[in-house]
Amino acid sequence: MAEIRRGEDGRSLKVKLACQTLIAIGELVMEGLLPGEDPSSEFPEDVQHWAAVYAELLQSADDVSARVSGLGGDELADESASVAIDRTALSARLNHLRQRHEFWMSRLPAGSDEAAKA
């Protein structure tokens, strides 16, 4: 069995990083909209900007979700008391990011580079 790398506080580095990332993403999307996000904006630059922002956040959250899902029982066993990985909350945040990304993608002009990537 591979040795689990631990930080100075004894916690698994993988779990610690995953939890910190989840907290950061959660803080960003807690209120529903990001600071400066205006769903009623008519400016094409705003639409492109927010589609790109949510694409990046969604990719980061998907990566974290995959990391958390791939953690073994040994890595999570020591963390259960000090760090709760709430898979339901993560799923809700991922769904929220997907919805916001889809909203902005639906507003992209049909011929734009971003719309072609979708």
PDB file of N, CA and C in Angstrom:
ATOM      1  N   MET A   1       0.848  -1.173   0.000  1.00  0.00           N
ATOM      2  CA  MET A   1       0.000   0.000   0.000  1.00  0.00           C
ATOM      3  C   MET A   1       0.896   1.239   0.000  1.00  0.00           C
ATOM      4  N   ALA A   2       0.525   2.227  -0.828  1.00  0.00           N
ATOM      5  CA  ALA A   2       1.305   3.451  -0.918  1.00  0.00           C
ATOM      6  C   ALA A   2       1.141   4.283   0.345  1.00  0.00           C
ATOM      7  N   GLU A   3       2.220   4.941   0.715  1.00  0.00           N
ATOM      8  CA  GLU A   3       2.173   5.793   1.894  1.00  0.00           C
ATOM      9  C   GLU A   3       1.378   7.054   1.572  1.00  0.00           C
ATOM     10  N   ILE A   4       0.543   7.491   2.484  1.00  0.00           N
ATOM     11  CA  ILE A   4      -0.260   8.694   2.308  1.00  0.00           C
ATOM     12  C   ILE A   4       0.578   9.889   2.732  1.00  0.00           C
ATOM     13  N   ARG A   5       0.757  10.836   1.806  1.00  0.00           N
ATOM     14  CA  ARG A   5       1.520  12.038   2.124  1.00  0.00           C
ATOM     15  C   ARG A   5       0.688  12.928   3.029  1.00  0.00           C
ATOM     16  N   ARG A   6       1.335  13.435   4.060  1.00  0.00           N
ATOM     17  CA  ARG A   6       0.632  14.274   5.032  1.00  0.00           C
ATOM     18  C   ARG A   6       1.369  15.596   5.202  1.00  0.00           C
ATOM     19  N   GLY A   7       0.589  16.624   5.479  1.00  0.00           N
ATOM     20  CA  GLY A   7       1.143  17.940   5.743  1.00  0.00           C
ATOM     21  C   GLY A   7       1.619  18.037   7.178  1.00  0.00           C
ATOM     22  N   GLU A   8       2.063  19.224   7.569  1.00  0.00           N
ATOM     23  CA  GLU A   8       2.561  19.441   8.928  1.00  0.00           C
ATOM     24  C   GLU A   8       1.505  19.156   9.985  1.00  0.00           C
ATOM     25  N   ASP A   9       0.233  19.384   9.636  1.00  0.00           N
ATOM     26  CA  ASP A   9      -0.836  19.150  10.604  1.00  0.00           C
ATOM     27  C   ASP A   9      -1.310  17.699  10.605  1.00  0.00           C
ATOM     28  N   GLY A  10      -0.682  16.841   9.788  1.00  0.00           N
ATOM     29  CA  GLY A  10      -1.010  15.424   9.771  1.00  0.00           C
ATOM     30  C   GLY A  10      -2.134  15.041   8.829  1.00  0.00           C
ATOM     31  N   ARG A  11      -2.748  16.034   8.208  1.00  0.00           N
ATOM     32  CA  ARG A  11      -3.852  15.731   7.300  1.00  0.00           C
ATOM     33  C   ARG A  11      -3.316  15.342   5.925  1.00  0.00           C
ATOM     34  N   SER A  12      -4.040  14.489   5.249  1.00  0.00           N
ATOM     35  CA  SER A  12      -3.696  14.089   3.897  1.00  0.00           C
ATOM     36  C   SER A  12      -3.631  15.333   3.013  1.00  0.00           C
ATOM     37  N   LEU A  13      -2.553  15.493   2.262  1.00  0.00           N
ATOM     38  CA  LEU A  13      -2.403  16.663   1.403  1.00  0.00           C
ATOM     39  C   LEU A  13      -3.467  16.685   0.311  1.00  0.00           C
ATOM     40  N   LYS A  14      -3.838  15.521  -0.213  1.00  0.00           N
ATOM     41  CA  LYS A  14      -4.879  15.468  -1.246  1.00  0.00           C
ATOM     42  C   LYS A  14      -6.207  15.950  -0.695  1.00  0.00           C
ATOM     43  N   VAL A  15      -6.557  15.478   0.480  1.00  0.00           N
ATOM     44  CA  VAL A  15      -7.823  15.869   1.094  1.00  0.00           C
ATOM     45  C   VAL A  15      -7.797  17.349   1.432  1.00  0.00           C
ATOM     46  N   LYS A  16      -6.700  17.827   1.976  1.00  0.00           N
ATOM     47  CA  LYS A  16      -6.584  19.231   2.355  1.00  0.00           C
ATOM     48  C   LYS A  16      -6.748  20.133   1.128  1.00  0.00           C
ATOM     49  N   LEU A  17      -6.076  19.807   0.026  1.00  0.00           N
ATOM     50  CA  LEU A  17      -6.180  20.602  -1.190  1.00  0.00           C
ATOM     51  C   LEU A  17      -7.600  20.558  -1.757  1.00  0.00           C
ATOM     52  N   ALA A  18      -8.184  19.372  -1.792  1.00  0.00           N
ATOM     53  CA  ALA A  18      -9.539  19.236  -2.317  1.00  0.00           C
ATOM     54  C   ALA A  18     -10.524  20.061  -1.499  1.00  0.00           C
ATOM     55  N   CYS A  19     -10.411  20.012  -0.190  1.00  0.00           N
ATOM     56  CA  CYS A  19     -11.322  20.752   0.687  1.00  0.00           C
ATOM     57  C   CYS A  19     -11.135  22.258   0.546  1.00  0.00           C
ATOM     58  N   GLN A  20      -9.891  22.706   0.461  1.00  0.00           N
ATOM     59  CA  GLN A  20      -9.642  24.133   0.288  1.00  0.00           C
ATOM     60  C   GLN A  20     -10.233  24.630  -1.029  1.00  0.00           C
ATOM     61  N   THR A  21     -10.099  23.833  -2.078  1.00  0.00           N
ATOM     62  CA  THR A  21     -10.638  24.216  -3.376  1.00  0.00           C
ATOM     63  C   THR A  21     -12.158  24.256  -3.336  1.00  0.00           C
ATOM     64  N   LEU A  22     -12.765  23.254  -2.696  1.00  0.00           N
ATOM     65  CA  LEU A  22     -14.225  23.233  -2.578  1.00  0.00           C
ATOM     66  C   LEU A  22     -14.732  24.447  -1.816  1.00  0.00           C
ATOM     67  N   ILE A  23     -14.042  24.810  -0.759  1.00  0.00           N
ATOM     68  CA  ILE A  23     -14.444  25.972   0.037  1.00  0.00           C
ATOM     69  C   ILE A  23     -14.347  27.235  -0.810  1.00  0.00           C
ATOM     70  N   ALA A  24     -13.266  27.381  -1.551  1.00  0.00           N
ATOM     71  CA  ALA A  24     -13.084  28.569  -2.396  1.00  0.00           C
ATOM     72  C   ALA A  24     -14.165  28.659  -3.466  1.00  0.00           C
ATOM     73  N   ILE A  25     -14.446  27.544  -4.130  1.00  0.00           N
ATOM     74  CA  ILE A  25     -15.491  27.539  -5.157  1.00  0.00           C
ATOM     75  C   ILE A  25     -16.836  27.818  -4.512  1.00  0.00           C
ATOM     76  N   GLY A  26     -17.082  27.216  -3.367  1.00  0.00           N
ATOM     77  CA  GLY A  26     -18.346  27.431  -2.670  1.00  0.00           C
ATOM     78  C   GLY A  26     -18.558  28.881  -2.287  1.00  0.00           C
ATOM     79  N   GLU A  27     -17.501  29.539  -1.830  1.00  0.00           N
ATOM     80  CA  GLU A  27     -17.613  30.946  -1.451  1.00  0.00           C
ATOM     81  C   GLU A  27     -17.931  31.808  -2.663  1.00  0.00           C
ATOM     82  N   LEU A  28     -17.385  31.441  -3.812  1.00  0.00           N
ATOM     83  CA  LEU A  28     -17.636  32.212  -5.024  1.00  0.00           C
ATOM     84  C   LEU A  28     -19.095  32.144  -5.462  1.00  0.00           C
ATOM     85  N   VAL A  29     -19.701  30.979  -5.314  1.00  0.00           N
ATOM     86  CA  VAL A  29     -21.031  30.800  -5.886  1.00  0.00           C
ATOM     87  C   VAL A  29     -22.154  30.770  -4.839  1.00  0.00           C
ATOM     88  N   MET A  30     -21.857  31.067  -3.594  1.00  0.00           N
ATOM     89  CA  MET A  30     -22.863  30.996  -2.540  1.00  0.00           C
ATOM     90  C   MET A  30     -24.071  31.894  -2.816  1.00  0.00           C
ATOM     91  N   GLU A  31     -23.855  33.063  -3.336  1.00  0.00           N
ATOM     92  CA  GLU A  31     -24.937  34.021  -3.511  1.00  0.00           C
ATOM     93  C   GLU A  31     -25.678  33.854  -4.830  1.00  0.00           C
ATOM     94  N   GLY A  32     -25.276  32.930  -5.665  1.00  0.00           N
ATOM     95  CA  GLY A  32     -25.967  32.714  -6.930  1.00  0.00           C
ATOM     96  C   GLY A  32     -25.269  33.369  -8.104  1.00  0.00           C
ATOM     97  N   LEU A  33     -24.894  34.619  -7.977  1.00  0.00           N
ATOM     98  CA  LEU A  33     -24.183  35.329  -9.040  1.00  0.00           C
ATOM     99  C   LEU A  33     -22.816  35.757  -8.517  1.00  0.00           C
ATOM    100  N   LEU A  34     -21.877  35.819  -9.403  1.00  0.00           N
ATOM    101  CA  LEU A  34     -20.544  36.292  -9.032  1.00  0.00           C
ATOM    102  C   LEU A  34     -20.522  37.815  -8.986  1.00  0.00           C
ATOM    103  N   PRO A  35     -19.599  38.391  -8.212  1.00  0.00           N
ATOM    104  CA  PRO A  35     -19.499  39.850  -8.168  1.00  0.00           C
ATOM    105  C   PRO A  35     -19.314  40.420  -9.580  1.00  0.00           C
ATOM    106  N   GLY A  36     -20.152  41.380  -9.931  1.00  0.00           N
ATOM    107  CA  GLY A  36     -20.067  42.020 -11.240  1.00  0.00           C
ATOM    108  C   GLY A  36     -20.877  41.336 -12.335  1.00  0.00           C
ATOM    109  N   GLU A  37     -21.399  40.160 -12.049  1.00  0.00           N
ATOM    110  CA  GLU A  37     -22.177  39.430 -13.056  1.00  0.00           C
ATOM    111  C   GLU A  37     -23.564  40.063 -13.186  1.00  0.00           C
ATOM    112  N   ASP A  38     -23.911  40.430 -14.415  1.00  0.00           N
ATOM    113  CA  ASP A  38     -25.208  41.050 -14.683  1.00  0.00           C
ATOM    114  C   ASP A  38     -25.907  40.263 -15.787  1.00  0.00           C
ATOM    115  N   PRO A  39     -26.838  39.376 -15.412  1.00  0.00           N
ATOM    116  CA  PRO A  39     -27.519  38.550 -16.406  1.00  0.00           C
ATOM    117  C   PRO A  39     -28.299  39.338 -17.453  1.00  0.00           C
ATOM    118  N   SER A  40     -28.605  40.605 -17.173  1.00  0.00           N
ATOM    119  CA  SER A  40     -29.367  41.403 -18.130  1.00  0.00           C
ATOM    120  C   SER A  40     -28.471  42.196 -19.081  1.00  0.00           C
ATOM    121  N   SER A  41     -27.160  42.038 -18.955  1.00  0.00           N
ATOM    122  CA  SER A  41     -26.234  42.784 -19.807  1.00  0.00           C
ATOM    123  C   SER A  41     -26.480  42.477 -21.279  1.00  0.00           C
ATOM    124  N   GLU A  42     -26.460  43.520 -22.078  1.00  0.00           N
ATOM    125  CA  GLU A  42     -26.638  43.384 -23.527  1.00  0.00           C
ATOM    126  C   GLU A  42     -25.304  43.426 -24.273  1.00  0.00           C
ATOM    127  N   PHE A  43     -24.201  43.572 -23.541  1.00  0.00           N
ATOM    128  CA  PHE A  43     -22.893  43.705 -24.177  1.00  0.00           C
ATOM    129  C   PHE A  43     -22.322  42.332 -24.536  1.00  0.00           C
ATOM    130  N   PRO A  44     -21.981  42.111 -25.812  1.00  0.00           N
ATOM    131  CA  PRO A  44     -21.413  40.816 -26.216  1.00  0.00           C
ATOM    132  C   PRO A  44     -20.139  40.449 -25.451  1.00  0.00           C
ATOM    133  N   GLU A  45     -19.354  41.465 -25.083  1.00  0.00           N
ATOM    134  CA  GLU A  45     -18.126  41.203 -24.333  1.00  0.00           C
ATOM    135  C   GLU A  45     -18.436  40.621 -22.961  1.00  0.00           C
ATOM    136  N   ASP A  46     -19.506  41.095 -22.329  1.00  0.00           N
ATOM    137  CA  ASP A  46     -19.919  40.552 -21.028  1.00  0.00           C
ATOM    138  C   ASP A  46     -20.330  39.094 -21.166  1.00  0.00           C
ATOM    139  N   VAL A  47     -21.105  38.803 -22.193  1.00  0.00           N
ATOM    140  CA  VAL A  47     -21.568  37.437 -22.414  1.00  0.00           C
ATOM    141  C   VAL A  47     -20.369  36.506 -22.614  1.00  0.00           C
ATOM    142  N   GLN A  48     -19.427  36.911 -23.435  1.00  0.00           N
ATOM    143  CA  GLN A  48     -18.229  36.098 -23.669  1.00  0.00           C
ATOM    144  C   GLN A  48     -17.413  35.936 -22.397  1.00  0.00           C
ATOM    145  N   HIS A  49     -17.275  37.023 -21.647  1.00  0.00           N
ATOM    146  CA  HIS A  49     -16.512  36.988 -20.401  1.00  0.00           C
ATOM    147  C   HIS A  49     -17.113  35.992 -19.416  1.00  0.00           C
ATOM    148  N   TRP A  50     -18.421  36.084 -19.179  1.00  0.00           N
ATOM    149  CA  TRP A  50     -19.038  35.223 -18.173  1.00  0.00           C
ATOM    150  C   TRP A  50     -19.133  33.779 -18.631  1.00  0.00           C
ATOM    151  N   ALA A  51     -19.289  33.548 -19.919  1.00  0.00           N
ATOM    152  CA  ALA A  51     -19.257  32.167 -20.423  1.00  0.00           C
ATOM    153  C   ALA A  51     -17.885  31.557 -20.153  1.00  0.00           C
ATOM    154  N   ALA A  52     -16.827  32.328 -20.363  1.00  0.00           N
ATOM    155  CA  ALA A  52     -15.456  31.842 -20.122  1.00  0.00           C
ATOM    156  C   ALA A  52     -15.194  31.645 -18.627  1.00  0.00           C
ATOM    157  N   VAL A  53     -15.666  32.582 -17.799  1.00  0.00           N
ATOM    158  CA  VAL A  53     -15.476  32.473 -16.343  1.00  0.00           C
ATOM    159  C   VAL A  53     -16.127  31.200 -15.823  1.00  0.00           C
ATOM    160  N   TYR A  54     -17.376  30.966 -16.208  1.00  0.00           N
ATOM    161  CA  TYR A  54     -18.070  29.779 -15.719  1.00  0.00           C
ATOM    162  C   TYR A  54     -17.494  28.493 -16.303  1.00  0.00           C
ATOM    163  N   ALA A  55     -16.980  28.550 -17.515  1.00  0.00           N
ATOM    164  CA  ALA A  55     -16.326  27.363 -18.087  1.00  0.00           C
ATOM    165  C   ALA A  55     -15.105  26.992 -17.246  1.00  0.00           C
ATOM    166  N   GLU A  56     -14.329  27.993 -16.851  1.00  0.00           N
ATOM    167  CA  GLU A  56     -13.133  27.748 -16.035  1.00  0.00           C
ATOM    168  C   GLU A  56     -13.501  27.256 -14.633  1.00  0.00           C
ATOM    169  N   LEU A  57     -14.478  27.888 -14.009  1.00  0.00           N
ATOM    170  CA  LEU A  57     -14.916  27.449 -12.679  1.00  0.00           C
ATOM    171  C   LEU A  57     -15.481  26.027 -12.726  1.00  0.00           C
ATOM    172  N   LEU A  58     -16.241  25.743 -13.752  1.00  0.00           N
ATOM    173  CA  LEU A  58     -16.832  24.419 -13.897  1.00  0.00           C
ATOM    174  C   LEU A  58     -15.749  23.364 -14.085  1.00  0.00           C
ATOM    175  N   GLN A  59     -14.734  23.664 -14.882  1.00  0.00           N
ATOM    176  CA  GLN A  59     -13.633  22.719 -15.080  1.00  0.00           C
ATOM    177  C   GLN A  59     -12.895  22.472 -13.770  1.00  0.00           C
ATOM    178  N   SER A  60     -12.643  23.547 -13.014  1.00  0.00           N
ATOM    179  CA  SER A  60     -11.957  23.391 -11.726  1.00  0.00           C
ATOM    180  C   SER A  60     -12.791  22.558 -10.759  1.00  0.00           C
ATOM    181  N   ALA A  61     -14.082  22.835 -10.689  1.00  0.00           N
ATOM    182  CA  ALA A  61     -14.956  22.084  -9.787  1.00  0.00           C
ATOM    183  C   ALA A  61     -15.064  20.622 -10.205  1.00  0.00           C
ATOM    184  N   ASP A  62     -15.122  20.369 -11.510  1.00  0.00           N
ATOM    185  CA  ASP A  62     -15.151  18.984 -12.001  1.00  0.00           C
ATOM    186  C   ASP A  62     -13.864  18.251 -11.627  1.00  0.00           C
ATOM    187  N   ASP A  63     -12.732  18.943 -11.743  1.00  0.00           N
ATOM    188  CA  ASP A  63     -11.442  18.340 -11.382  1.00  0.00           C
ATOM    189  C   ASP A  63     -11.411  17.982  -9.890  1.00  0.00           C
ATOM    190  N   VAL A  64     -11.886  18.903  -9.059  1.00  0.00           N
ATOM    191  CA  VAL A  64     -11.912  18.651  -7.614  1.00  0.00           C
ATOM    192  C   VAL A  64     -12.845  17.489  -7.306  1.00  0.00           C
ATOM    193  N   SER A  65     -14.006  17.484  -7.942  1.00  0.00           N
ATOM    194  CA  SER A  65     -14.967  16.403  -7.719  1.00  0.00           C
ATOM    195  C   SER A  65     -14.353  15.053  -8.074  1.00  0.00           C
ATOM    196  N   ALA A  66     -13.629  15.007  -9.180  1.00  0.00           N
ATOM    197  CA  ALA A  66     -12.979  13.760  -9.586  1.00  0.00           C
ATOM    198  C   ALA A  66     -11.915  13.348  -8.568  1.00  0.00           C
ATOM    199  N   ARG A  67     -11.158  14.333  -8.053  1.00  0.00           N
ATOM    200  CA  ARG A  67     -10.129  14.033  -7.045  1.00  0.00           C
ATOM    201  C   ARG A  67     -10.752  13.495  -5.767  1.00  0.00           C
ATOM    202  N   VAL A  68     -11.825  14.145  -5.333  1.00  0.00           N
ATOM    203  CA  VAL A  68     -12.489  13.707  -4.105  1.00  0.00           C
ATOM    204  C   VAL A  68     -13.070  12.316  -4.295  1.00  0.00           C
ATOM    205  N   SER A  69     -13.685  12.078  -5.439  1.00  0.00           N
ATOM    206  CA  SER A  69     -14.270  10.760  -5.718  1.00  0.00           C
ATOM    207  C   SER A  69     -13.210   9.673  -5.768  1.00  0.00           C
ATOM    208  N   GLY A  70     -11.983  10.038  -6.171  1.00  0.00           N
ATOM    209  CA  GLY A  70     -10.908   9.067  -6.301  1.00  0.00           C
ATOM    210  C   GLY A  70     -10.127   8.817  -5.029  1.00  0.00           C
ATOM    211  N   LEU A  71     -10.415   9.546  -3.961  1.00  0.00           N
ATOM    212  CA  LEU A  71      -9.694   9.350  -2.704  1.00  0.00           C
ATOM    213  C   LEU A  71     -10.111   8.033  -2.069  1.00  0.00           C
ATOM    214  N   GLY A  72      -9.137   7.340  -1.553  1.00  0.00           N
ATOM    215  CA  GLY A  72      -9.415   6.060  -0.913  1.00  0.00           C
ATOM    216  C   GLY A  72      -9.905   6.215   0.509  1.00  0.00           C
ATOM    217  N   GLY A  73     -10.440   5.138   1.048  1.00  0.00           N
ATOM    218  CA  GLY A  73     -10.971   5.142   2.410  1.00  0.00           C
ATOM    219  C   GLY A  73      -9.930   5.509   3.438  1.00  0.00           C
ATOM    220  N   ASP A  74      -8.679   5.041   3.257  1.00  0.00           N
ATOM    221  CA  ASP A  74      -7.618   5.358   4.212  1.00  0.00           C
ATOM    222  C   ASP A  74      -7.367   6.861   4.266  1.00  0.00           C
ATOM    223  N   GLU A  75      -7.434   7.511   3.096  1.00  0.00           N
ATOM    224  CA  GLU A  75      -7.182   8.947   3.055  1.00  0.00           C
ATOM    225  C   GLU A  75      -8.313   9.733   3.705  1.00  0.00           C
ATOM    226  N   LEU A  76      -9.524   9.235   3.604  1.00  0.00           N
ATOM    227  CA  LEU A  76     -10.664   9.945   4.161  1.00  0.00           C
ATOM    228  C   LEU A  76     -10.926   9.600   5.623  1.00  0.00           C
ATOM    229  N   ALA A  77     -10.488   8.436   6.071  1.00  0.00           N
ATOM    230  CA  ALA A  77     -10.804   7.980   7.428  1.00  0.00           C
ATOM    231  C   ALA A  77     -10.352   8.966   8.491  1.00  0.00           C
ATOM    232  N   ASP A  78      -9.123   9.473   8.362  1.00  0.00           N
ATOM    233  CA  ASP A  78      -8.595  10.392   9.368  1.00  0.00           C
ATOM    234  C   ASP A  78      -9.222  11.780   9.272  1.00  0.00           C
ATOM    235  N   GLU A  79      -9.886  12.072   8.177  1.00  0.00           N
ATOM    236  CA  GLU A  79     -10.398  13.409   7.947  1.00  0.00           C
ATOM    237  C   GLU A  79     -11.845  13.593   8.386  1.00  0.00           C
ATOM    238  N   SER A  80     -12.551  12.518   8.634  1.00  0.00           N
ATOM    239  CA  SER A  80     -13.992  12.630   8.841  1.00  0.00           C
ATOM    240  C   SER A  80     -14.367  13.568   9.980  1.00  0.00           C
ATOM    241  N   ALA A  81     -13.590  13.611  11.037  1.00  0.00           N
ATOM    242  CA  ALA A  81     -13.930  14.462  12.175  1.00  0.00           C
ATOM    243  C   ALA A  81     -13.591  15.930  11.907  1.00  0.00           C
ATOM    244  N   SER A  82     -12.460  16.188  11.255  1.00  0.00           N
ATOM    245  CA  SER A  82     -12.016  17.565  11.101  1.00  0.00           C
ATOM    246  C   SER A  82     -12.474  18.214   9.804  1.00  0.00           C
ATOM    247  N   VAL A  83     -12.705  17.425   8.757  1.00  0.00           N
ATOM    248  CA  VAL A  83     -13.103  17.974   7.462  1.00  0.00           C
ATOM    249  C   VAL A  83     -14.200  17.102   6.877  1.00  0.00           C
ATOM    250  N   ALA A  84     -15.367  17.660   6.739  1.00  0.00           N
ATOM    251  CA  ALA A  84     -16.475  16.907   6.147  1.00  0.00           C
ATOM    252  C   ALA A  84     -16.538  17.222   4.659  1.00  0.00           C
ATOM    253  N   ILE A  85     -16.368  16.227   3.831  1.00  0.00           N
ATOM    254  CA  ILE A  85     -16.517  16.409   2.396  1.00  0.00           C
ATOM    255  C   ILE A  85     -17.983  16.136   2.083  1.00  0.00           C
ATOM    256  N   ASP A  86     -18.714  17.163   1.883  1.00  0.00           N
ATOM    257  CA  ASP A  86     -20.142  17.064   1.664  1.00  0.00           C
ATOM    258  C   ASP A  86     -20.394  16.896   0.166  1.00  0.00           C
ATOM    259  N   ARG A  87     -20.572  15.653  -0.244  1.00  0.00           N
ATOM    260  CA  ARG A  87     -20.765  15.362  -1.665  1.00  0.00           C
ATOM    261  C   ARG A  87     -22.068  15.958  -2.190  1.00  0.00           C
ATOM    262  N   THR A  88     -23.067  16.088  -1.345  1.00  0.00           N
ATOM    263  CA  THR A  88     -24.332  16.696  -1.772  1.00  0.00           C
ATOM    264  C   THR A  88     -24.117  18.167  -2.089  1.00  0.00           C
ATOM    265  N   ALA A  89     -23.385  18.862  -1.233  1.00  0.00           N
ATOM    266  CA  ALA A  89     -23.100  20.282  -1.466  1.00  0.00           C
ATOM    267  C   ALA A  89     -22.252  20.458  -2.717  1.00  0.00           C
ATOM    268  N   LEU A  90     -21.273  19.578  -2.913  1.00  0.00           N
ATOM    269  CA  LEU A  90     -20.435  19.657  -4.100  1.00  0.00           C
ATOM    270  C   LEU A  90     -21.284  19.462  -5.352  1.00  0.00           C
ATOM    271  N   SER A  91     -22.178  18.492  -5.310  1.00  0.00           N
ATOM    272  CA  SER A  91     -23.052  18.233  -6.450  1.00  0.00           C
ATOM    273  C   SER A  91     -23.938  19.453  -6.737  1.00  0.00           C
ATOM    274  N   ALA A  92     -24.453  20.078  -5.685  1.00  0.00           N
ATOM    275  CA  ALA A  92     -25.288  21.271  -5.861  1.00  0.00           C
ATOM    276  C   ALA A  92     -24.489  22.412  -6.479  1.00  0.00           C
ATOM    277  N   ARG A  93     -23.253  22.568  -6.034  1.00  0.00           N
ATOM    278  CA  ARG A  93     -22.414  23.636  -6.587  1.00  0.00           C
ATOM    279  C   ARG A  93     -22.080  23.360  -8.047  1.00  0.00           C
ATOM    280  N   LEU A  94     -21.788  22.110  -8.364  1.00  0.00           N
ATOM    281  CA  LEU A  94     -21.516  21.751  -9.760  1.00  0.00           C
ATOM    282  C   LEU A  94     -22.736  22.029 -10.635  1.00  0.00           C
ATOM    283  N   ASN A  95     -23.908  21.665 -10.147  1.00  0.00           N
ATOM    284  CA  ASN A  95     -25.133  21.929 -10.906  1.00  0.00           C
ATOM    285  C   ASN A  95     -25.347  23.419 -11.119  1.00  0.00           C
ATOM    286  N   HIS A  96     -25.086  24.213 -10.067  1.00  0.00           N
ATOM    287  CA  HIS A  96     -25.231  25.660 -10.187  1.00  0.00           C
ATOM    288  C   HIS A  96     -24.271  26.214 -11.241  1.00  0.00           C
ATOM    289  N   LEU A  97     -23.016  25.769 -11.197  1.00  0.00           N
ATOM    290  CA  LEU A  97     -22.037  26.235 -12.179  1.00  0.00           C
ATOM    291  C   LEU A  97     -22.452  25.839 -13.593  1.00  0.00           C
ATOM    292  N   ARG A  98     -22.945  24.624 -13.745  1.00  0.00           N
ATOM    293  CA  ARG A  98     -23.412  24.173 -15.070  1.00  0.00           C
ATOM    294  C   ARG A  98     -24.566  25.045 -15.572  1.00  0.00           C
ATOM    295  N   GLN A  99     -25.500  25.348 -14.680  1.00  0.00           N
ATOM    296  CA  GLN A  99     -26.645  26.178 -15.073  1.00  0.00           C
ATOM    297  C   GLN A  99     -26.207  27.584 -15.492  1.00  0.00           C
ATOM    298  N   ARG A 100     -25.308  28.174 -14.715  1.00  0.00           N
ATOM    299  CA  ARG A 100     -24.828  29.521 -15.056  1.00  0.00           C
ATOM    300  C   ARG A 100     -24.045  29.479 -16.373  1.00  0.00           C
ATOM    301  N   HIS A 101     -23.213  28.450 -16.554  1.00  0.00           N
ATOM    302  CA  HIS A 101     -22.454  28.324 -17.796  1.00  0.00           C
ATOM    303  C   HIS A 101     -23.403  28.165 -18.989  1.00  0.00           C
ATOM    304  N   GLU A 102     -24.396  27.307 -18.838  1.00  0.00           N
ATOM    305  CA  GLU A 102     -25.369  27.108 -19.919  1.00  0.00           C
ATOM    306  C   GLU A 102     -26.131  28.398 -20.225  1.00  0.00           C
ATOM    307  N   PHE A 103     -26.474  29.160 -19.181  1.00  0.00           N
ATOM    308  CA  PHE A 103     -27.160  30.437 -19.382  1.00  0.00           C
ATOM    309  C   PHE A 103     -26.334  31.355 -20.274  1.00  0.00           C
ATOM    310  N   TRP A 104     -25.050  31.537 -19.912  1.00  0.00           N
ATOM    311  CA  TRP A 104     -24.210  32.447 -20.674  1.00  0.00           C
ATOM    312  C   TRP A 104     -23.898  31.889 -22.061  1.00  0.00           C
ATOM    313  N   MET A 105     -23.718  30.584 -22.169  1.00  0.00           N
ATOM    314  CA  MET A 105     -23.457  29.987 -23.480  1.00  0.00           C
ATOM    315  C   MET A 105     -24.653  30.179 -24.416  1.00  0.00           C
ATOM    316  N   SER A 106     -25.856  30.118 -23.871  1.00  0.00           N
ATOM    317  CA  SER A 106     -27.056  30.282 -24.700  1.00  0.00           C
ATOM    318  C   SER A 106     -27.194  31.709 -25.234  1.00  0.00           C
ATOM    319  N   ARG A 107     -26.495  32.642 -24.606  1.00  0.00           N
ATOM    320  CA  ARG A 107     -26.567  34.043 -25.029  1.00  0.00           C
ATOM    321  C   ARG A 107     -25.456  34.435 -25.984  1.00  0.00           C
ATOM    322  N   LEU A 108     -24.513  33.517 -26.244  1.00  0.00           N
ATOM    323  CA  LEU A 108     -23.432  33.825 -27.183  1.00  0.00           C
ATOM    324  C   LEU A 108     -23.983  33.909 -28.607  1.00  0.00           C
ATOM    325  N   PRO A 109     -23.452  34.826 -29.401  1.00  0.00           N
ATOM    326  CA  PRO A 109     -23.856  34.877 -30.805  1.00  0.00           C
ATOM    327  C   PRO A 109     -23.508  33.566 -31.505  1.00  0.00           C
ATOM    328  N   ALA A 110     -24.349  33.125 -32.426  1.00  0.00           N
ATOM    329  CA  ALA A 110     -24.202  31.826 -33.080  1.00  0.00           C
ATOM    330  C   ALA A 110     -22.842  31.627 -33.749  1.00  0.00           C
ATOM    331  N   GLY A 111     -22.259  32.643 -34.291  1.00  0.00           N
ATOM    332  CA  GLY A 111     -20.994  32.490 -35.014  1.00  0.00           C
ATOM    333  C   GLY A 111     -19.746  32.699 -34.186  1.00  0.00           C
ATOM    334  N   SER A 112     -19.883  32.925 -32.885  1.00  0.00           N
ATOM    335  CA  SER A 112     -18.711  33.219 -32.055  1.00  0.00           C
ATOM    336  C   SER A 112     -17.855  31.977 -31.823  1.00  0.00           C
ATOM    337  N   ASP A 113     -16.580  32.196 -31.556  1.00  0.00           N
ATOM    338  CA  ASP A 113     -15.653  31.096 -31.277  1.00  0.00           C
ATOM    339  C   ASP A 113     -16.108  30.268 -30.076  1.00  0.00           C
ATOM    340  N   GLU A 114     -16.580  30.953 -29.021  1.00  0.00           N
ATOM    341  CA  GLU A 114     -17.010  30.260 -27.811  1.00  0.00           C
ATOM    342  C   GLU A 114     -18.225  29.375 -28.080  1.00  0.00           C
ATOM    343  N   ALA A 115     -19.161  29.859 -28.899  1.00  0.00           N
ATOM    344  CA  ALA A 115     -20.361  29.085 -29.214  1.00  0.00           C
ATOM    345  C   ALA A 115     -19.987  27.833 -30.011  1.00  0.00           C
ATOM    346  N   ALA A 116     -18.964  27.950 -30.863  1.00  0.00           N
ATOM    347  CA  ALA A 116     -18.531  26.806 -31.660  1.00  0.00           C
ATOM    348  C   ALA A 116     -17.893  25.722 -30.783  1.00  0.00           C
ATOM    349  N   LYS A 117     -17.293  26.112 -29.641  1.00  0.00           N
ATOM    350  CA  LYS A 117     -16.655  25.163 -28.738  1.00  0.00           C
ATOM    351  C   LYS A 117     -17.670  24.372 -27.931  1.00  0.00           C
ATOM    352  N   ALA A 118     -18.859  24.908 -27.761  1.00  0.00           N
ATOM    353  CA  ALA A 118     -19.871  24.281 -26.901  1.00  0.00           C
ATOM    354  C   ALA A 118     -20.416  22.984 -27.449  1.00  0.00           C
TER     355      ALA A 118
END
